[in-house]
Amino acid sequence: MNLLSMLFRPAVADAEVRAEIWRLGVRHVGWPLEGALNELREPNLPMGRAVLLRACVDKMKLENQR
């Protein structure tokens, strides 16, 4: 990730991230992080969806470090 993408990263509401993590867990049978990473690899992923998935990945990785 380059500096500009870090500075101008669109904000995603925390509630939206939590809800999407829950939906990822349902869709990917209890593996939301792996599911999000797989979905990020999909071709032609809309930018808004990619931003939300990256926010989910960041939150899950941060929580796993604790």
PDB file of N, CA and C in Angstrom:
ATOM      1  N   MET A   1       0.854  -1.168   0.000  1.00  0.00           N
ATOM      2  CA  MET A   1       0.000   0.000   0.000  1.00  0.00           C
ATOM      3  C   MET A   1       0.901   1.232   0.000  1.00  0.00           C
ATOM      4  N   ASN A   2       0.655   2.138  -0.918  1.00  0.00           N
ATOM      5  CA  ASN A   2       1.496   3.324  -0.971  1.00  0.00           C
ATOM      6  C   ASN A   2       0.970   4.427  -0.049  1.00  0.00           C
ATOM      7  N   LEU A   3       1.760   5.446   0.118  1.00  0.00           N
ATOM      8  CA  LEU A   3       1.444   6.518   1.058  1.00  0.00           C
ATOM      9  C   LEU A   3       0.137   7.226   0.719  1.00  0.00           C
ATOM     10  N   LEU A   4      -0.083   7.520  -0.556  1.00  0.00           N
ATOM     11  CA  LEU A   4      -1.301   8.232  -0.939  1.00  0.00           C
ATOM     12  C   LEU A   4      -2.555   7.408  -0.647  1.00  0.00           C
ATOM     13  N   SER A   5      -2.496   6.115  -0.888  1.00  0.00           N
ATOM     14  CA  SER A   5      -3.681   5.298  -0.618  1.00  0.00           C
ATOM     15  C   SER A   5      -3.947   5.206   0.882  1.00  0.00           C
ATOM     16  N   MET A   6      -2.907   5.310   1.698  1.00  0.00           N
ATOM     17  CA  MET A   6      -3.108   5.307   3.141  1.00  0.00           C
ATOM     18  C   MET A   6      -3.716   6.631   3.608  1.00  0.00           C
ATOM     19  N   LEU A   7      -3.270   7.743   3.020  1.00  0.00           N
ATOM     20  CA  LEU A   7      -3.760   9.060   3.426  1.00  0.00           C
ATOM     21  C   LEU A   7      -5.184   9.317   2.963  1.00  0.00           C
ATOM     22  N   PHE A   8      -5.517   8.869   1.776  1.00  0.00           N
ATOM     23  CA  PHE A   8      -6.828   9.171   1.194  1.00  0.00           C
ATOM     24  C   PHE A   8      -7.755   7.962   1.204  1.00  0.00           C
ATOM     25  N   ARG A   9      -7.553   7.076   2.134  1.00  0.00           N
ATOM     26  CA  ARG A   9      -8.386   5.884   2.258  1.00  0.00           C
ATOM     27  C   ARG A   9      -9.782   6.284   2.726  1.00  0.00           C
ATOM     28  N   PRO A  10     -10.806   5.905   1.977  1.00  0.00           N
ATOM     29  CA  PRO A  10     -12.162   6.266   2.397  1.00  0.00           C
ATOM     30  C   PRO A  10     -12.522   5.613   3.736  1.00  0.00           C
ATOM     31  N   ALA A  11     -13.241   6.346   4.541  1.00  0.00           N
ATOM     32  CA  ALA A  11     -13.645   5.830   5.850  1.00  0.00           C
ATOM     33  C   ALA A  11     -14.852   4.909   5.701  1.00  0.00           C
ATOM     34  N   VAL A  12     -14.861   3.856   6.488  1.00  0.00           N
ATOM     35  CA  VAL A  12     -15.990   2.932   6.519  1.00  0.00           C
ATOM     36  C   VAL A  12     -16.468   2.893   7.965  1.00  0.00           C
ATOM     37  N   ALA A  13     -17.758   2.983   8.145  1.00  0.00           N
ATOM     38  CA  ALA A  13     -18.331   2.991   9.495  1.00  0.00           C
ATOM     39  C   ALA A  13     -18.037   1.669  10.199  1.00  0.00           C
ATOM     40  N   ASP A  14     -17.712   1.763  11.481  1.00  0.00           N
ATOM     41  CA  ASP A  14     -17.378   0.573  12.261  1.00  0.00           C
ATOM     42  C   ASP A  14     -18.533  -0.421  12.296  1.00  0.00           C
ATOM     43  N   ALA A  15     -19.746   0.091  12.386  1.00  0.00           N
ATOM     44  CA  ALA A  15     -20.918  -0.800  12.399  1.00  0.00           C
ATOM     45  C   ALA A  15     -21.050  -1.549  11.080  1.00  0.00           C
ATOM     46  N   GLU A  16     -20.730  -0.873   9.990  1.00  0.00           N
ATOM     47  CA  GLU A  16     -20.786  -1.507   8.670  1.00  0.00           C
ATOM     48  C   GLU A  16     -19.739  -2.613   8.563  1.00  0.00           C
ATOM     49  N   VAL A  17     -18.557  -2.366   9.116  1.00  0.00           N
ATOM     50  CA  VAL A  17     -17.489  -3.369   9.102  1.00  0.00           C
ATOM     51  C   VAL A  17     -17.895  -4.572   9.948  1.00  0.00           C
ATOM     52  N   ARG A  18     -18.416  -4.333  11.145  1.00  0.00           N
ATOM     53  CA  ARG A  18     -18.839  -5.449  12.001  1.00  0.00           C
ATOM     54  C   ARG A  18     -19.920  -6.287  11.331  1.00  0.00           C
ATOM     55  N   ALA A  19     -20.880  -5.621  10.702  1.00  0.00           N
ATOM     56  CA  ALA A  19     -21.964  -6.342  10.025  1.00  0.00           C
ATOM     57  C   ALA A  19     -21.426  -7.166   8.859  1.00  0.00           C
ATOM     58  N   GLU A  20     -20.498  -6.607   8.110  1.00  0.00           N
ATOM     59  CA  GLU A  20     -19.935  -7.346   6.975  1.00  0.00           C
ATOM     60  C   GLU A  20     -19.082  -8.521   7.443  1.00  0.00           C
ATOM     61  N   ILE A  21     -18.364  -8.366   8.545  1.00  0.00           N
ATOM     62  CA  ILE A  21     -17.594  -9.493   9.092  1.00  0.00           C
ATOM     63  C   ILE A  21     -18.536 -10.621   9.471  1.00  0.00           C
ATOM     64  N   TRP A  22     -19.666 -10.276  10.067  1.00  0.00           N
ATOM     65  CA  TRP A  22     -20.646 -11.298  10.426  1.00  0.00           C
ATOM     66  C   TRP A  22     -21.159 -12.000   9.171  1.00  0.00           C
ATOM     67  N   ARG A  23     -21.503 -11.212   8.134  1.00  0.00           N
ATOM     68  CA  ARG A  23     -21.988 -11.807   6.879  1.00  0.00           C
ATOM     69  C   ARG A  23     -20.918 -12.663   6.218  1.00  0.00           C
ATOM     70  N   LEU A  24     -19.661 -12.238   6.281  1.00  0.00           N
ATOM     71  CA  LEU A  24     -18.566 -13.047   5.729  1.00  0.00           C
ATOM     72  C   LEU A  24     -18.463 -14.380   6.458  1.00  0.00           C
ATOM     73  N   GLY A  25     -18.620 -14.340   7.771  1.00  0.00           N
ATOM     74  CA  GLY A  25     -18.575 -15.568   8.556  1.00  0.00           C
ATOM     75  C   GLY A  25     -19.685 -16.530   8.172  1.00  0.00           C
ATOM     76  N   VAL A  26     -20.867 -15.981   7.905  1.00  0.00           N
ATOM     77  CA  VAL A  26     -21.989 -16.819   7.488  1.00  0.00           C
ATOM     78  C   VAL A  26     -21.721 -17.405   6.104  1.00  0.00           C
ATOM     79  N   ARG A  27     -21.304 -16.550   5.167  1.00  0.00           N
ATOM     80  CA  ARG A  27     -21.064 -17.007   3.786  1.00  0.00           C
ATOM     81  C   ARG A  27     -19.923 -18.000   3.688  1.00  0.00           C
ATOM     82  N   HIS A  28     -18.916 -17.824   4.515  1.00  0.00           N
ATOM     83  CA  HIS A  28     -17.702 -18.644   4.420  1.00  0.00           C
ATOM     84  C   HIS A  28     -17.580 -19.609   5.595  1.00  0.00           C
ATOM     85  N   VAL A  29     -18.698 -20.020   6.127  1.00  0.00           N
ATOM     86  CA  VAL A  29     -18.813 -21.070   7.144  1.00  0.00           C
ATOM     87  C   VAL A  29     -17.830 -20.873   8.302  1.00  0.00           C
ATOM     88  N   GLY A  30     -17.877 -19.689   8.913  1.00  0.00           N
ATOM     89  CA  GLY A  30     -17.072 -19.446  10.100  1.00  0.00           C
ATOM     90  C   GLY A  30     -15.645 -18.974   9.846  1.00  0.00           C
ATOM     91  N   TRP A  31     -15.302 -18.685   8.608  1.00  0.00           N
ATOM     92  CA  TRP A  31     -13.947 -18.240   8.262  1.00  0.00           C
ATOM     93  C   TRP A  31     -14.010 -16.871   7.578  1.00  0.00           C
ATOM     94  N   PRO A  32     -14.387 -15.821   8.314  1.00  0.00           N
ATOM     95  CA  PRO A  32     -14.573 -14.519   7.678  1.00  0.00           C
ATOM     96  C   PRO A  32     -13.296 -13.912   7.109  1.00  0.00           C
ATOM     97  N   LEU A  33     -12.171 -14.059   7.778  1.00  0.00           N
ATOM     98  CA  LEU A  33     -10.930 -13.473   7.268  1.00  0.00           C
ATOM     99  C   LEU A  33     -10.524 -14.131   5.958  1.00  0.00           C
ATOM    100  N   GLU A  34     -10.530 -15.435   5.926  1.00  0.00           N
ATOM    101  CA  GLU A  34     -10.157 -16.150   4.708  1.00  0.00           C
ATOM    102  C   GLU A  34     -11.148 -15.845   3.588  1.00  0.00           C
ATOM    103  N   GLY A  35     -12.421 -15.734   3.942  1.00  0.00           N
ATOM    104  CA  GLY A  35     -13.438 -15.400   2.956  1.00  0.00           C
ATOM    105  C   GLY A  35     -13.230 -14.015   2.365  1.00  0.00           C
ATOM    106  N   ALA A  36     -12.911 -13.048   3.219  1.00  0.00           N
ATOM    107  CA  ALA A  36     -12.666 -11.683   2.740  1.00  0.00           C
ATOM    108  C   ALA A  36     -11.458 -11.646   1.817  1.00  0.00           C
ATOM    109  N   LEU A  37     -10.403 -12.358   2.196  1.00  0.00           N
ATOM    110  CA  LEU A  37      -9.209 -12.382   1.352  1.00  0.00           C
ATOM    111  C   LEU A  37      -9.500 -13.038   0.009  1.00  0.00           C
ATOM    112  N   ASN A  38     -10.308 -14.082  -0.001  1.00  0.00           N
ATOM    113  CA  ASN A  38     -10.695 -14.727  -1.259  1.00  0.00           C
ATOM    114  C   ASN A  38     -11.541 -13.799  -2.119  1.00  0.00           C
ATOM    115  N   GLU A  39     -12.476 -13.120  -1.495  1.00  0.00           N
ATOM    116  CA  GLU A  39     -13.333 -12.207  -2.247  1.00  0.00           C
ATOM    117  C   GLU A  39     -12.543 -11.037  -2.824  1.00  0.00           C
ATOM    118  N   LEU A  40     -11.497 -10.595  -2.132  1.00  0.00           N
ATOM    119  CA  LEU A  40     -10.665  -9.507  -2.650  1.00  0.00           C
ATOM    120  C   LEU A  40      -9.926  -9.909  -3.924  1.00  0.00           C
ATOM    121  N   ARG A  41      -9.742 -11.205  -4.128  1.00  0.00           N
ATOM    122  CA  ARG A  41      -9.043 -11.681  -5.333  1.00  0.00           C
ATOM    123  C   ARG A  41      -9.952 -11.768  -6.555  1.00  0.00           C
ATOM    124  N   GLU A  42     -11.244 -11.591  -6.359  1.00  0.00           N
ATOM    125  CA  GLU A  42     -12.191 -11.707  -7.468  1.00  0.00           C
ATOM    126  C   GLU A  42     -11.951 -10.607  -8.495  1.00  0.00           C
ATOM    127  N   PRO A  43     -12.027 -10.960  -9.780  1.00  0.00           N
ATOM    128  CA  PRO A  43     -11.855  -9.938 -10.822  1.00  0.00           C
ATOM    129  C   PRO A  43     -13.065  -9.004 -10.863  1.00  0.00           C
ATOM    130  N   ASN A  44     -12.850  -7.800 -11.296  1.00  0.00           N
ATOM    131  CA  ASN A  44     -13.914  -6.795 -11.464  1.00  0.00           C
ATOM    132  C   ASN A  44     -14.674  -6.498 -10.176  1.00  0.00           C
ATOM    133  N   LEU A  45     -13.974  -6.521  -9.062  1.00  0.00           N
ATOM    134  CA  LEU A  45     -14.575  -6.205  -7.773  1.00  0.00           C
ATOM    135  C   LEU A  45     -14.832  -4.700  -7.713  1.00  0.00           C
ATOM    136  N   PRO A  46     -16.067  -4.283  -7.415  1.00  0.00           N
ATOM    137  CA  PRO A  46     -16.351  -2.846  -7.320  1.00  0.00           C
ATOM    138  C   PRO A  46     -15.498  -2.195  -6.227  1.00  0.00           C
ATOM    139  N   MET A  47     -15.102  -0.959  -6.460  1.00  0.00           N
ATOM    140  CA  MET A  47     -14.207  -0.264  -5.531  1.00  0.00           C
ATOM    141  C   MET A  47     -14.798  -0.170  -4.130  1.00  0.00           C
ATOM    142  N   GLY A  48     -16.082   0.144  -4.016  1.00  0.00           N
ATOM    143  CA  GLY A  48     -16.712   0.253  -2.701  1.00  0.00           C
ATOM    144  C   GLY A  48     -16.667  -1.061  -1.938  1.00  0.00           C
ATOM    145  N   ARG A  49     -16.875  -2.156  -2.649  1.00  0.00           N
ATOM    146  CA  ARG A  49     -16.815  -3.487  -2.029  1.00  0.00           C
ATOM    147  C   ARG A  49     -15.394  -3.794  -1.576  1.00  0.00           C
ATOM    148  N   ALA A  50     -14.416  -3.442  -2.401  1.00  0.00           N
ATOM    149  CA  ALA A  50     -13.014  -3.681  -2.054  1.00  0.00           C
ATOM    150  C   ALA A  50     -12.613  -2.890  -0.812  1.00  0.00           C
ATOM    151  N   VAL A  51     -13.074  -1.648  -0.720  1.00  0.00           N
ATOM    152  CA  VAL A  51     -12.761  -0.813   0.448  1.00  0.00           C
ATOM    153  C   VAL A  51     -13.353  -1.434   1.710  1.00  0.00           C
ATOM    154  N   LEU A  52     -14.592  -1.893   1.621  1.00  0.00           N
ATOM    155  CA  LEU A  52     -15.241  -2.525   2.771  1.00  0.00           C
ATOM    156  C   LEU A  52     -14.519  -3.807   3.164  1.00  0.00           C
ATOM    157  N   LEU A  53     -14.174  -4.636   2.197  1.00  0.00           N
ATOM    158  CA  LEU A  53     -13.475  -5.884   2.504  1.00  0.00           C
ATOM    159  C   LEU A  53     -12.098  -5.619   3.121  1.00  0.00           C
ATOM    160  N   ARG A  54     -11.387  -4.615   2.620  1.00  0.00           N
ATOM    161  CA  ARG A  54     -10.076  -4.285   3.200  1.00  0.00           C
ATOM    162  C   ARG A  54     -10.226  -3.800   4.634  1.00  0.00           C
ATOM    163  N   ALA A  55     -11.279  -3.020   4.908  1.00  0.00           N
ATOM    164  CA  ALA A  55     -11.526  -2.560   6.275  1.00  0.00           C
ATOM    165  C   ALA A  55     -11.816  -3.759   7.184  1.00  0.00           C
ATOM    166  N   CYS A  56     -12.549  -4.725   6.664  1.00  0.00           N
ATOM    167  CA  CYS A  56     -12.844  -5.946   7.441  1.00  0.00           C
ATOM    168  C   CYS A  56     -11.565  -6.724   7.722  1.00  0.00           C
ATOM    169  N   VAL A  57     -10.733  -6.880   6.703  1.00  0.00           N
ATOM    170  CA  VAL A  57      -9.463  -7.606   6.874  1.00  0.00           C
ATOM    171  C   VAL A  57      -8.597  -6.902   7.907  1.00  0.00           C
ATOM    172  N   ASP A  58      -8.491  -5.582   7.797  1.00  0.00           N
ATOM    173  CA  ASP A  58      -7.677  -4.827   8.758  1.00  0.00           C
ATOM    174  C   ASP A  58      -8.181  -5.026  10.182  1.00  0.00           C
ATOM    175  N   LYS A  59      -9.504  -4.952  10.381  1.00  0.00           N
ATOM    176  CA  LYS A  59     -10.083  -5.109  11.720  1.00  0.00           C
ATOM    177  C   LYS A  59      -9.848  -6.514  12.253  1.00  0.00           C
ATOM    178  N   MET A  60     -10.033  -7.530  11.421  1.00  0.00           N
ATOM    179  CA  MET A  60      -9.855  -8.906  11.879  1.00  0.00           C
ATOM    180  C   MET A  60      -8.392  -9.206  12.197  1.00  0.00           C
ATOM    181  N   LYS A  61      -7.475  -8.695  11.391  1.00  0.00           N
ATOM    182  CA  LYS A  61      -6.060  -8.909  11.668  1.00  0.00           C
ATOM    183  C   LYS A  61      -5.647  -8.210  12.952  1.00  0.00           C
ATOM    184  N   LEU A  62      -6.163  -7.006  13.180  1.00  0.00           N
ATOM    185  CA  LEU A  62      -5.860  -6.276  14.411  1.00  0.00           C
ATOM    186  C   LEU A  62      -6.385  -7.023  15.628  1.00  0.00           C
ATOM    187  N   GLU A  63      -7.589  -7.556  15.538  1.00  0.00           N
ATOM    188  CA  GLU A  63      -8.159  -8.300  16.659  1.00  0.00           C
ATOM    189  C   GLU A  63      -7.423  -9.612  16.912  1.00  0.00           C
ATOM    190  N   ASN A  64      -6.913 -10.230  15.856  1.00  0.00           N
ATOM    191  CA  ASN A  64      -6.166 -11.488  16.010  1.00  0.00           C
ATOM    192  C   ASN A  64      -4.809 -11.267  16.664  1.00  0.00           C
ATOM    193  N   GLN A  65      -4.269 -10.050  16.585  1.00  0.00           N
ATOM    194  CA  GLN A  65      -2.971  -9.754  17.192  1.00  0.00           C
ATOM    195  C   GLN A  65      -3.099  -9.589  18.700  1.00  0.00           C
ATOM    196  N   ARG A  66      -4.273  -9.325  19.210  1.00  0.00           N
ATOM    197  CA  ARG A  66      -4.468  -9.087  20.641  1.00  0.00           C
ATOM    198  C   ARG A  66      -4.406 -10.350  21.428  1.00  0.00           C
TER     199      ARG A  66
END
